[in-house]
C-alpha atoms as a PDB file:
ATOM      1  CA  UNK A   1      -0.052  -0.308  -0.100  1.00  0.00           C
ATOM      2  CA  UNK A   2       2.603   2.237   1.108  1.00  0.00           C
ATOM      3  CA  UNK A   3       4.591   1.340  -2.645  1.00  0.00           C
ATOM      4  CA  UNK A   4       1.658   2.806  -4.257  1.00  0.00           C
ATOM      5  CA  UNK A   5       1.366   6.005  -2.130  1.00  0.00           C
ATOM      6  CA  UNK A   6       4.938   6.554  -3.157  1.00  0.00           C
ATOM      7  CA  UNK A   7       4.221   6.178  -7.030  1.00  0.00           C
ATOM      8  CA  UNK A   8       0.943   7.967  -6.505  1.00  0.00           C
ATOM      9  CA  UNK A   9       2.523  11.015  -5.268  1.00  0.00           C
ATOM     10  CA  UNK A  10       5.705  10.450  -7.496  1.00  0.00           C
ATOM     11  CA  UNK A  11       3.475  11.252 -10.470  1.00  0.00           C
ATOM     12  CA  UNK A  12       1.407  14.228  -9.062  1.00  0.00           C
ATOM     13  CA  UNK A  13       4.886  15.916  -8.160  1.00  0.00           C
ATOM     14  CA  UNK A  14       6.621  15.598 -11.087  1.00  0.00           C
ATOM     15  CA  UNK A  15       3.449  16.112 -12.931  1.00  0.00           C
ATOM     16  CA  UNK A  16       3.094  19.777 -11.364  1.00  0.00           C
ATOM     17  CA  UNK A  17       6.947  20.040 -11.969  1.00  0.00           C
ATOM     18  CA  UNK A  18       6.617  18.823 -16.168  1.00  0.00           C
ATOM     19  CA  UNK A  19       3.307  20.977 -16.550  1.00  0.00           C
ATOM     20  CA  UNK A  20       4.507  24.508 -14.643  1.00  0.00           C
ATOM     21  CA  UNK A  21       5.642  24.938 -18.575  1.00  0.00           C
ATOM     22  CA  UNK A  22       1.775  24.580 -19.773  1.00  0.00           C
ATOM     23  CA  UNK A  23       0.501  26.417 -16.809  1.00  0.00           C
ATOM     24  CA  UNK A  24       2.785  29.499 -17.993  1.00  0.00           C
ATOM     25  CA  UNK A  25       1.865  29.161 -21.479  1.00  0.00           C
ATOM     26  CA  UNK A  26      -1.948  29.081 -20.954  1.00  0.00           C
ATOM     27  CA  UNK A  27      -1.866  31.954 -18.859  1.00  0.00           C
ATOM     28  CA  UNK A  28       0.375  33.734 -21.252  1.00  0.00           C
ATOM     29  CA  UNK A  29      -1.457  32.945 -24.402  1.00  0.00           C
ATOM     30  CA  UNK A  30      -4.401  35.190 -22.790  1.00  0.00           C
ATOM     31  CA  UNK A  31      -2.709  38.223 -24.034  1.00  0.00           C
ATOM     32  CA  UNK A  32      -0.377  36.847 -26.708  1.00  0.00           C
ATOM     33  CA  UNK A  33      -2.069  34.333 -29.154  1.00  0.00           C
ATOM     34  CA  UNK A  34       0.114  31.405 -29.307  1.00  0.00           C
ATOM     35  CA  UNK A  35       2.848  31.809 -27.023  1.00  0.00           C
ATOM     36  CA  UNK A  36       5.795  29.798 -26.597  1.00  0.00           C
ATOM     37  CA  UNK A  37       8.864  29.851 -23.998  1.00  0.00           C
ATOM     38  CA  UNK A  38      11.626  30.227 -25.974  1.00  0.00           C
ATOM     39  CA  UNK A  39      12.563  27.013 -27.997  1.00  0.00           C
ATOM     40  CA  UNK A  40       9.730  25.112 -27.070  1.00  0.00           C
ATOM     41  CA  UNK A  41       8.290  25.611 -30.615  1.00  0.00           C
ATOM     42  CA  UNK A  42       7.239  22.376 -32.027  1.00  0.00           C
ATOM     43  CA  UNK A  43      10.371  22.527 -34.500  1.00  0.00           C
ATOM     44  CA  UNK A  44      12.543  22.870 -32.020  1.00  0.00           C
ATOM     45  CA  UNK A  45      11.819  21.076 -28.264  1.00  0.00           C
ATOM     46  CA  UNK A  46       8.453  21.444 -28.173  1.00  0.00           C
ATOM     47  CA  UNK A  47       7.812  18.553 -29.759  1.00  0.00           C
ATOM     48  CA  UNK A  48       9.406  16.644 -27.096  1.00  0.00           C
ATOM     49  CA  UNK A  49       7.792  18.569 -24.316  1.00  0.00           C
ATOM     50  CA  UNK A  50       3.827  18.442 -25.809  1.00  0.00           C
ATOM     51  CA  UNK A  51       4.512  14.214 -25.273  1.00  0.00           C
ATOM     52  CA  UNK A  52       6.211  14.382 -22.154  1.00  0.00           C
ATOM     53  CA  UNK A  53       3.081  16.835 -20.999  1.00  0.00           C
ATOM     54  CA  UNK A  54       0.720  14.624 -22.515  1.00  0.00           C
ATOM     55  CA  UNK A  55       1.900  11.519 -20.510  1.00  0.00           C
ATOM     56  CA  UNK A  56       2.021  13.147 -17.601  1.00  0.00           C
ATOM     57  CA  UNK A  57      -1.679  14.867 -17.682  1.00  0.00           C
ATOM     58  CA  UNK A  58      -2.984  11.132 -18.240  1.00  0.00           C
ATOM     59  CA  UNK A  59      -0.861   9.705 -15.340  1.00  0.00           C
ATOM     60  CA  UNK A  60      -1.527  12.550 -12.657  1.00  0.00           C
ATOM     61  CA  UNK A  61      -5.248  11.739 -13.423  1.00  0.00           C
ATOM     62  CA  UNK A  62      -4.688   8.506 -12.754  1.00  0.00           C
ATOM     63  CA  UNK A  63      -2.890   9.090  -9.654  1.00  0.00           C
ATOM     64  CA  UNK A  64      -5.936  11.163  -8.774  1.00  0.00           C
ATOM     65  CA  UNK A  65      -7.855   8.491  -9.172  1.00  0.00           C
ATOM     66  CA  UNK A  66      -6.080   6.253  -7.039  1.00  0.00           C
ATOM     67  CA  UNK A  67      -6.002   8.746  -4.042  1.00  0.00           C
ATOM     68  CA  UNK A  68      -9.548   9.236  -4.700  1.00  0.00           C
ATOM     69  CA  UNK A  69      -9.733   5.350  -4.008  1.00  0.00           C
ATOM     70  CA  UNK A  70      -7.733   5.556  -0.659  1.00  0.00           C
ATOM     71  CA  UNK A  71      -9.661   8.611   1.045  1.00  0.00           C
ATOM     72  CA  UNK A  72     -13.060   7.505  -0.256  1.00  0.00           C
ATOM     73  CA  UNK A  73     -13.154   3.595  -0.334  1.00  0.00           C
ATOM     74  CA  UNK A  74     -10.158   1.860   1.171  1.00  0.00           C
ATOM     75  CA  UNK A  75      -9.541   4.389   4.292  1.00  0.00           C
ATOM     76  CA  UNK A  76      -5.474   3.320   5.201  1.00  0.00           C
ATOM     77  CA  UNK A  77      -5.264   3.742   8.602  1.00  0.00           C
ATOM     78  CA  UNK A  78      -1.849   6.029   7.782  1.00  0.00           C
ATOM     79  CA  UNK A  79      -4.651   8.194   6.281  1.00  0.00           C
ATOM     80  CA  UNK A  80      -7.779   8.210   8.700  1.00  0.00           C
ATOM     81  CA  UNK A  81      -5.624   7.735  11.762  1.00  0.00           C
ATOM     82  CA  UNK A  82      -4.840   5.441  14.608  1.00  0.00           C
ATOM     83  CA  UNK A  83      -6.811   4.915  17.090  1.00  0.00           C
ATOM     84  CA  UNK A  84      -6.743   6.091  20.038  1.00  0.00           C
ATOM     85  CA  UNK A  85      -4.222   8.336  19.779  1.00  0.00           C
ATOM     86  CA  UNK A  86      -5.573  10.254  16.717  1.00  0.00           C
ATOM     87  CA  UNK A  87      -9.723  10.045  17.598  1.00  0.00           C
ATOM     88  CA  UNK A  88      -9.596  13.011  16.145  1.00  0.00           C
ATOM     89  CA  UNK A  89      -8.543  12.331  12.850  1.00  0.00           C
ATOM     90  CA  UNK A  90     -10.741   9.355  12.731  1.00  0.00           C
ATOM     91  CA  UNK A  91     -13.743  11.566  13.188  1.00  0.00           C
ATOM     92  CA  UNK A  92     -12.932  14.056  10.748  1.00  0.00           C
ATOM     93  CA  UNK A  93     -14.600  14.443   6.851  1.00  0.00           C
ATOM     94  CA  UNK A  94     -11.172  14.619   5.770  1.00  0.00           C
ATOM     95  CA  UNK A  95     -13.034  17.057   2.975  1.00  0.00           C
ATOM     96  CA  UNK A  96     -10.014  19.224   2.311  1.00  0.00           C
ATOM     97  CA  UNK A  97      -7.832  16.437   0.739  1.00  0.00           C
ATOM     98  CA  UNK A  98     -10.666  15.406  -1.200  1.00  0.00           C
ATOM     99  CA  UNK A  99     -11.346  19.341  -2.642  1.00  0.00           C
ATOM    100  CA  UNK A 100      -7.341  19.266  -3.609  1.00  0.00           C
ATOM    101  CA  UNK A 101      -7.650  16.012  -5.133  1.00  0.00           C
ATOM    102  CA  UNK A 102     -10.617  17.695  -7.328  1.00  0.00           C
ATOM    103  CA  UNK A 103      -8.935  20.278  -8.225  1.00  0.00           C
ATOM    104  CA  UNK A 104      -5.923  18.912  -9.252  1.00  0.00           C
ATOM    105  CA  UNK A 105      -8.163  16.353 -11.557  1.00  0.00           C
ATOM    106  CA  UNK A 106      -9.786  19.701 -13.014  1.00  0.00           C
ATOM    107  CA  UNK A 107      -6.498  20.927 -13.959  1.00  0.00           C
ATOM    108  CA  UNK A 108      -5.865  18.279 -15.588  1.00  0.00           C
ATOM    109  CA  UNK A 109      -9.060  17.890 -17.676  1.00  0.00           C
ATOM    110  CA  UNK A 110      -8.828  21.383 -18.526  1.00  0.00           C
ATOM    111  CA  UNK A 111      -5.289  20.665 -19.950  1.00  0.00           C
ATOM    112  CA  UNK A 112      -6.661  17.646 -22.381  1.00  0.00           C
ATOM    113  CA  UNK A 113     -10.072  20.072 -23.504  1.00  0.00           C
ATOM    114  CA  UNK A 114      -7.773  23.174 -24.129  1.00  0.00           C
ATOM    115  CA  UNK A 115      -5.490  20.767 -25.810  1.00  0.00           C
ATOM    116  CA  UNK A 116      -7.953  18.731 -27.703  1.00  0.00           C
ATOM    117  CA  UNK A 117     -10.407  21.234 -28.739  1.00  0.00           C
ATOM    118  CA  UNK A 118      -7.127  23.303 -30.548  1.00  0.00           C
ATOM    119  CA  UNK A 119      -6.590  20.237 -32.609  1.00  0.00           C
ATOM    120  CA  UNK A 120      -9.846  20.364 -33.922  1.00  0.00           C
ATOM    121  CA  UNK A 121     -10.765  24.053 -34.730  1.00  0.00           C
ATOM    122  CA  UNK A 122      -7.157  25.382 -35.367  1.00  0.00           C
ATOM    123  CA  UNK A 123      -5.600  24.292 -38.775  1.00  0.00           C
ATOM    124  CA  UNK A 124      -2.136  25.819 -37.771  1.00  0.00           C
ATOM    125  CA  UNK A 125      -1.452  23.526 -34.876  1.00  0.00           C
ATOM    126  CA  UNK A 126      -1.102  20.076 -36.823  1.00  0.00           C
ATOM    127  CA  UNK A 127       2.309  19.784 -36.095  1.00  0.00           C
ATOM    128  CA  UNK A 128       1.489  19.035 -32.963  1.00  0.00           C
ATOM    129  CA  UNK A 129      -0.900  16.252 -33.300  1.00  0.00           C
ATOM    130  CA  UNK A 130       1.876  13.883 -33.502  1.00  0.00           C
ATOM    131  CA  UNK A 131       3.299  14.848 -30.055  1.00  0.00           C
ATOM    132  CA  UNK A 132      -0.065  14.566 -28.150  1.00  0.00           C
ATOM    133  CA  UNK A 133      -1.721  10.958 -28.518  1.00  0.00           C
ATOM    134  CA  UNK A 134      -3.922  11.677 -26.025  1.00  0.00           C
ATOM    135  CA  UNK A 135      -5.018  14.721 -26.508  1.00  0.00           C
ATOM    136  CA  UNK A 136      -5.523  13.353 -30.245  1.00  0.00           C
ATOM    137  CA  UNK A 137      -8.039  11.059 -28.438  1.00  0.00           C
ATOM    138  CA  UNK A 138      -9.787  14.411 -26.636  1.00  0.00           C
ATOM    139  CA  UNK A 139     -10.118  16.022 -30.129  1.00  0.00           C
ATOM    140  CA  UNK A 140     -11.571  12.890 -31.992  1.00  0.00           C
ATOM    141  CA  UNK A 141     -14.203  12.666 -29.337  1.00  0.00           C
ATOM    142  CA  UNK A 142     -14.703  16.867 -28.886  1.00  0.00           C
ATOM    143  CA  UNK A 143     -14.890  16.473 -33.597  1.00  0.00           C
ATOM    144  CA  UNK A 144     -18.109  14.970 -32.962  1.00  0.00           C
ATOM    145  CA  UNK A 145     -19.917  18.384 -32.251  1.00  0.00           C
ATOM    146  CA  UNK A 146     -17.812  19.965 -34.899  1.00  0.00           C
ATOM    147  CA  UNK A 147     -15.238  22.831 -35.131  1.00  0.00           C
ATOM    148  CA  UNK A 148     -17.496  25.569 -33.190  1.00  0.00           C
ATOM    149  CA  UNK A 149     -18.332  22.993 -30.507  1.00  0.00           C
ATOM    150  CA  UNK A 150     -14.312  22.192 -30.230  1.00  0.00           C
ATOM    151  CA  UNK A 151     -13.673  25.797 -29.839  1.00  0.00           C
ATOM    152  CA  UNK A 152     -16.109  25.814 -26.823  1.00  0.00           C
ATOM    153  CA  UNK A 153     -14.827  23.061 -25.151  1.00  0.00           C
ATOM    154  CA  UNK A 154     -11.274  24.325 -25.872  1.00  0.00           C
ATOM    155  CA  UNK A 155     -12.467  27.871 -24.032  1.00  0.00           C
ATOM    156  CA  UNK A 156     -14.101  26.275 -21.255  1.00  0.00           C
ATOM    157  CA  UNK A 157     -10.729  23.929 -20.727  1.00  0.00           C
ATOM    158  CA  UNK A 158      -8.742  26.934 -20.495  1.00  0.00           C
ATOM    159  CA  UNK A 159     -11.156  28.822 -18.093  1.00  0.00           C
ATOM    160  CA  UNK A 160     -11.409  25.951 -16.134  1.00  0.00           C
ATOM    161  CA  UNK A 161      -7.830  25.189 -15.975  1.00  0.00           C
ATOM    162  CA  UNK A 162      -6.170  28.584 -14.976  1.00  0.00           C
ATOM    163  CA  UNK A 163      -9.395  30.022 -12.211  1.00  0.00           C
ATOM    164  CA  UNK A 164      -8.554  26.682 -10.608  1.00  0.00           C
ATOM    165  CA  UNK A 165      -5.065  27.093 -10.385  1.00  0.00           C
ATOM    166  CA  UNK A 166      -5.598  30.762  -8.781  1.00  0.00           C
ATOM    167  CA  UNK A 167      -8.318  29.063  -6.555  1.00  0.00           C
ATOM    168  CA  UNK A 168      -5.626  26.504  -5.351  1.00  0.00           C
ATOM    169  CA  UNK A 169      -2.943  29.282  -4.558  1.00  0.00           C
ATOM    170  CA  UNK A 170      -5.339  31.393  -2.897  1.00  0.00           C
ATOM    171  CA  UNK A 171      -6.298  28.052  -0.746  1.00  0.00           C
ATOM    172  CA  UNK A 172      -2.617  26.714  -0.320  1.00  0.00           C
ATOM    173  CA  UNK A 173      -1.823  29.406   2.797  1.00  0.00           C
ATOM    174  CA  UNK A 174      -5.049  28.068   5.017  1.00  0.00           C
ATOM    175  CA  UNK A 175      -4.310  24.179   3.818  1.00  0.00           C
ATOM    176  CA  UNK A 176      -2.386  21.270   5.408  1.00  0.00           C
ATOM    177  CA  UNK A 177      -0.749  21.718   1.428  1.00  0.00           C
ATOM    178  CA  UNK A 178       1.163  24.696   2.397  1.00  0.00           C
ATOM    179  CA  UNK A 179       3.863  22.366   2.264  1.00  0.00           C
ATOM    180  CA  UNK A 180       3.846  22.804  -1.726  1.00  0.00           C
ATOM    181  CA  UNK A 181       5.086  26.217  -0.254  1.00  0.00           C
ATOM    182  CA  UNK A 182       7.813  25.388   2.241  1.00  0.00           C
ATOM    183  CA  UNK A 183       8.940  21.968   1.657  1.00  0.00           C
ATOM    184  CA  UNK A 184      11.724  23.532  -0.800  1.00  0.00           C
ATOM    185  CA  UNK A 185      13.532  25.924   1.508  1.00  0.00           C
ATOM    186  CA  UNK A 186      12.667  23.175   4.609  1.00  0.00           C
ATOM    187  CA  UNK A 187      14.491  20.715   2.520  1.00  0.00           C
ATOM    188  CA  UNK A 188      17.290  23.082   1.683  1.00  0.00           C
ATOM    189  CA  UNK A 189      17.668  23.947   5.539  1.00  0.00           C
ATOM    190  CA  UNK A 190      17.778  20.533   6.826  1.00  0.00           C
ATOM    191  CA  UNK A 191      20.172  19.272   9.589  1.00  0.00           C
ATOM    192  CA  UNK A 192      23.343  17.741   7.772  1.00  0.00           C
ATOM    193  CA  UNK A 193      23.396  15.636  11.029  1.00  0.00           C
ATOM    194  CA  UNK A 194      22.676  11.957  10.639  1.00  0.00           C
ATOM    195  CA  UNK A 195      18.567  11.923  10.565  1.00  0.00           C
ATOM    196  CA  UNK A 196      17.315  11.382  13.705  1.00  0.00           C
ATOM    197  CA  UNK A 197      20.577  12.170  16.226  1.00  0.00           C
ATOM    198  CA  UNK A 198      19.318  14.150  18.868  1.00  0.00           C
ATOM    199  CA  UNK A 199      20.712  17.031  20.743  1.00  0.00           C
ATOM    200  CA  UNK A 200      22.828  17.089  23.953  1.00  0.00           C
ATOM    201  CA  UNK A 201      20.831  18.441  27.085  1.00  0.00           C
ATOM    202  CA  UNK A 202      22.391  20.501  30.088  1.00  0.00           C
ATOM    203  CA  UNK A 203      20.816  18.650  32.660  1.00  0.00           C
ATOM    204  CA  UNK A 204      22.589  20.127  35.034  1.00  0.00           C
ATOM    205  CA  UNK A 205      21.930  23.830  34.354  1.00  0.00           C
ATOM    206  CA  UNK A 206      18.373  23.466  32.028  1.00  0.00           C
ATOM    207  CA  UNK A 207      15.463  25.394  33.250  1.00  0.00           C
ATOM    208  CA  UNK A 208      13.378  23.311  30.913  1.00  0.00           C
ATOM    209  CA  UNK A 209      12.903  19.776  29.721  1.00  0.00           C
ATOM    210  CA  UNK A 210      11.303  19.280  26.136  1.00  0.00           C
ATOM    211  CA  UNK A 211       8.802  21.040  25.092  1.00  0.00           C
ATOM    212  CA  UNK A 212       6.054  22.629  26.780  1.00  0.00           C
ATOM    213  CA  UNK A 213       4.681  25.286  24.993  1.00  0.00           C
ATOM    214  CA  UNK A 214       4.891  26.883  21.394  1.00  0.00           C
ATOM    215  CA  UNK A 215       7.145  29.259  22.349  1.00  0.00           C
ATOM    216  CA  UNK A 216      10.083  26.753  23.268  1.00  0.00           C
ATOM    217  CA  UNK A 217      10.383  25.639  19.535  1.00  0.00           C
ATOM    218  CA  UNK A 218      13.031  26.457  17.435  1.00  0.00           C
ATOM    219  CA  UNK A 219      12.108  28.544  14.033  1.00  0.00           C
ATOM    220  CA  UNK A 220      12.868  25.445  12.061  1.00  0.00           C
ATOM    221  CA  UNK A 221      11.217  22.996  14.073  1.00  0.00           C
ATOM    222  CA  UNK A 222       7.831  25.652  13.291  1.00  0.00           C
ATOM    223  CA  UNK A 223       8.790  25.423   9.789  1.00  0.00           C
ATOM    224  CA  UNK A 224       8.924  21.986  10.284  1.00  0.00           C
ATOM    225  CA  UNK A 225       5.310  22.054  11.460  1.00  0.00           C
ATOM    226  CA  UNK A 226       4.196  24.330   8.708  1.00  0.00           C
ATOM    227  CA  UNK A 227       5.472  21.651   6.279  1.00  0.00           C
ATOM    228  CA  UNK A 228       4.142  18.688   7.409  1.00  0.00           C
ATOM    229  CA  UNK A 229       1.981  16.719   4.883  1.00  0.00           C
ATOM    230  CA  UNK A 230      -0.237  14.648   7.210  1.00  0.00           C
ATOM    231  CA  UNK A 231       0.800  11.556   5.929  1.00  0.00           C
ATOM    232  CA  UNK A 232       1.525   9.567   9.108  1.00  0.00           C
ATOM    233  CA  UNK A 233       4.253   7.907   8.428  1.00  0.00           C
ATOM    234  CA  UNK A 234       5.761   9.875  11.776  1.00  0.00           C
ATOM    235  CA  UNK A 235       2.787   8.204  13.617  1.00  0.00           C
ATOM    236  CA  UNK A 236       2.974   4.832  11.911  1.00  0.00           C
ATOM    237  CA  UNK A 237       6.585   4.391  13.731  1.00  0.00           C
ATOM    238  CA  UNK A 238       5.893   5.876  16.636  1.00  0.00           C
ATOM    239  CA  UNK A 239       6.364   3.146  20.008  1.00  0.00           C
ATOM    240  CA  UNK A 240       3.841   4.762  21.942  1.00  0.00           C
ATOM    241  CA  UNK A 241       1.484   5.388  19.634  1.00  0.00           C
ATOM    242  CA  UNK A 242       1.685   1.566  18.399  1.00  0.00           C
ATOM    243  CA  UNK A 243       1.196   0.475  22.533  1.00  0.00           C
ATOM    244  CA  UNK A 244      -2.301   2.642  22.365  1.00  0.00           C
ATOM    245  CA  UNK A 245      -0.916   5.392  24.755  1.00  0.00           C
ATOM    246  CA  UNK A 246      -2.921   8.927  23.731  1.00  0.00           C
ATOM    247  CA  UNK A 247       0.559  10.023  21.906  1.00  0.00           C
ATOM    248  CA  UNK A 248       1.043  10.802  18.150  1.00  0.00           C
ATOM    249  CA  UNK A 249       3.221  12.757  16.465  1.00  0.00           C
ATOM    250  CA  UNK A 250       1.415  14.100  13.476  1.00  0.00           C
ATOM    251  CA  UNK A 251      -1.266  15.310  16.375  1.00  0.00           C
ATOM    252  CA  UNK A 252       1.336  18.780  16.235  1.00  0.00           C
END
């Protein structure tokens, strides 16, 4: 189960990284028709990029399907919480995770509608057809309704894609997916010591032991808390949680 979840997140993460270029193109085309970044025309690197983009859009959609299955059907303990320590999580609806997955799915679907429609009603993008096998399938379905319908679907895909991204960006700072923003600086600033190494405490002169208040955390520990993805790996490896004690690291 963890291996499946790992590959699922792999494709979602790298899908977003690769599709960032597509996002730039689609926003820029609100102002400049057929805008492409330098070197990404079909005659240069644009063709291979379109192929990679097409494959990753489908891969992300499949990954989202797996994630939705886990959240709505299989309910893995690592997602829904370990009893009794994480009773709070067990009682939640987890609507936020499902909403984010819906957002990502809409972004992928919007991209397919946009590219598929273009292949139907724009003659000058015919060179892109050979590089977009899955968008060609979408184009075939849209062509049944004619060029006018394909243009409408493409424009709808553009609006859905871009509006969802803007809503997504505004939602990130108040959601658990804030880790999308904080994870890169957090990894860059991680300790270089061996993982799990504990700092030494001066037991003779210390005035406090462990953590009792939020202001006793270091700035890096607070950044760690903001970067938490609530994946449950810490709780699943915690001896206290596994023994049935009311302590689970994820609750922080």
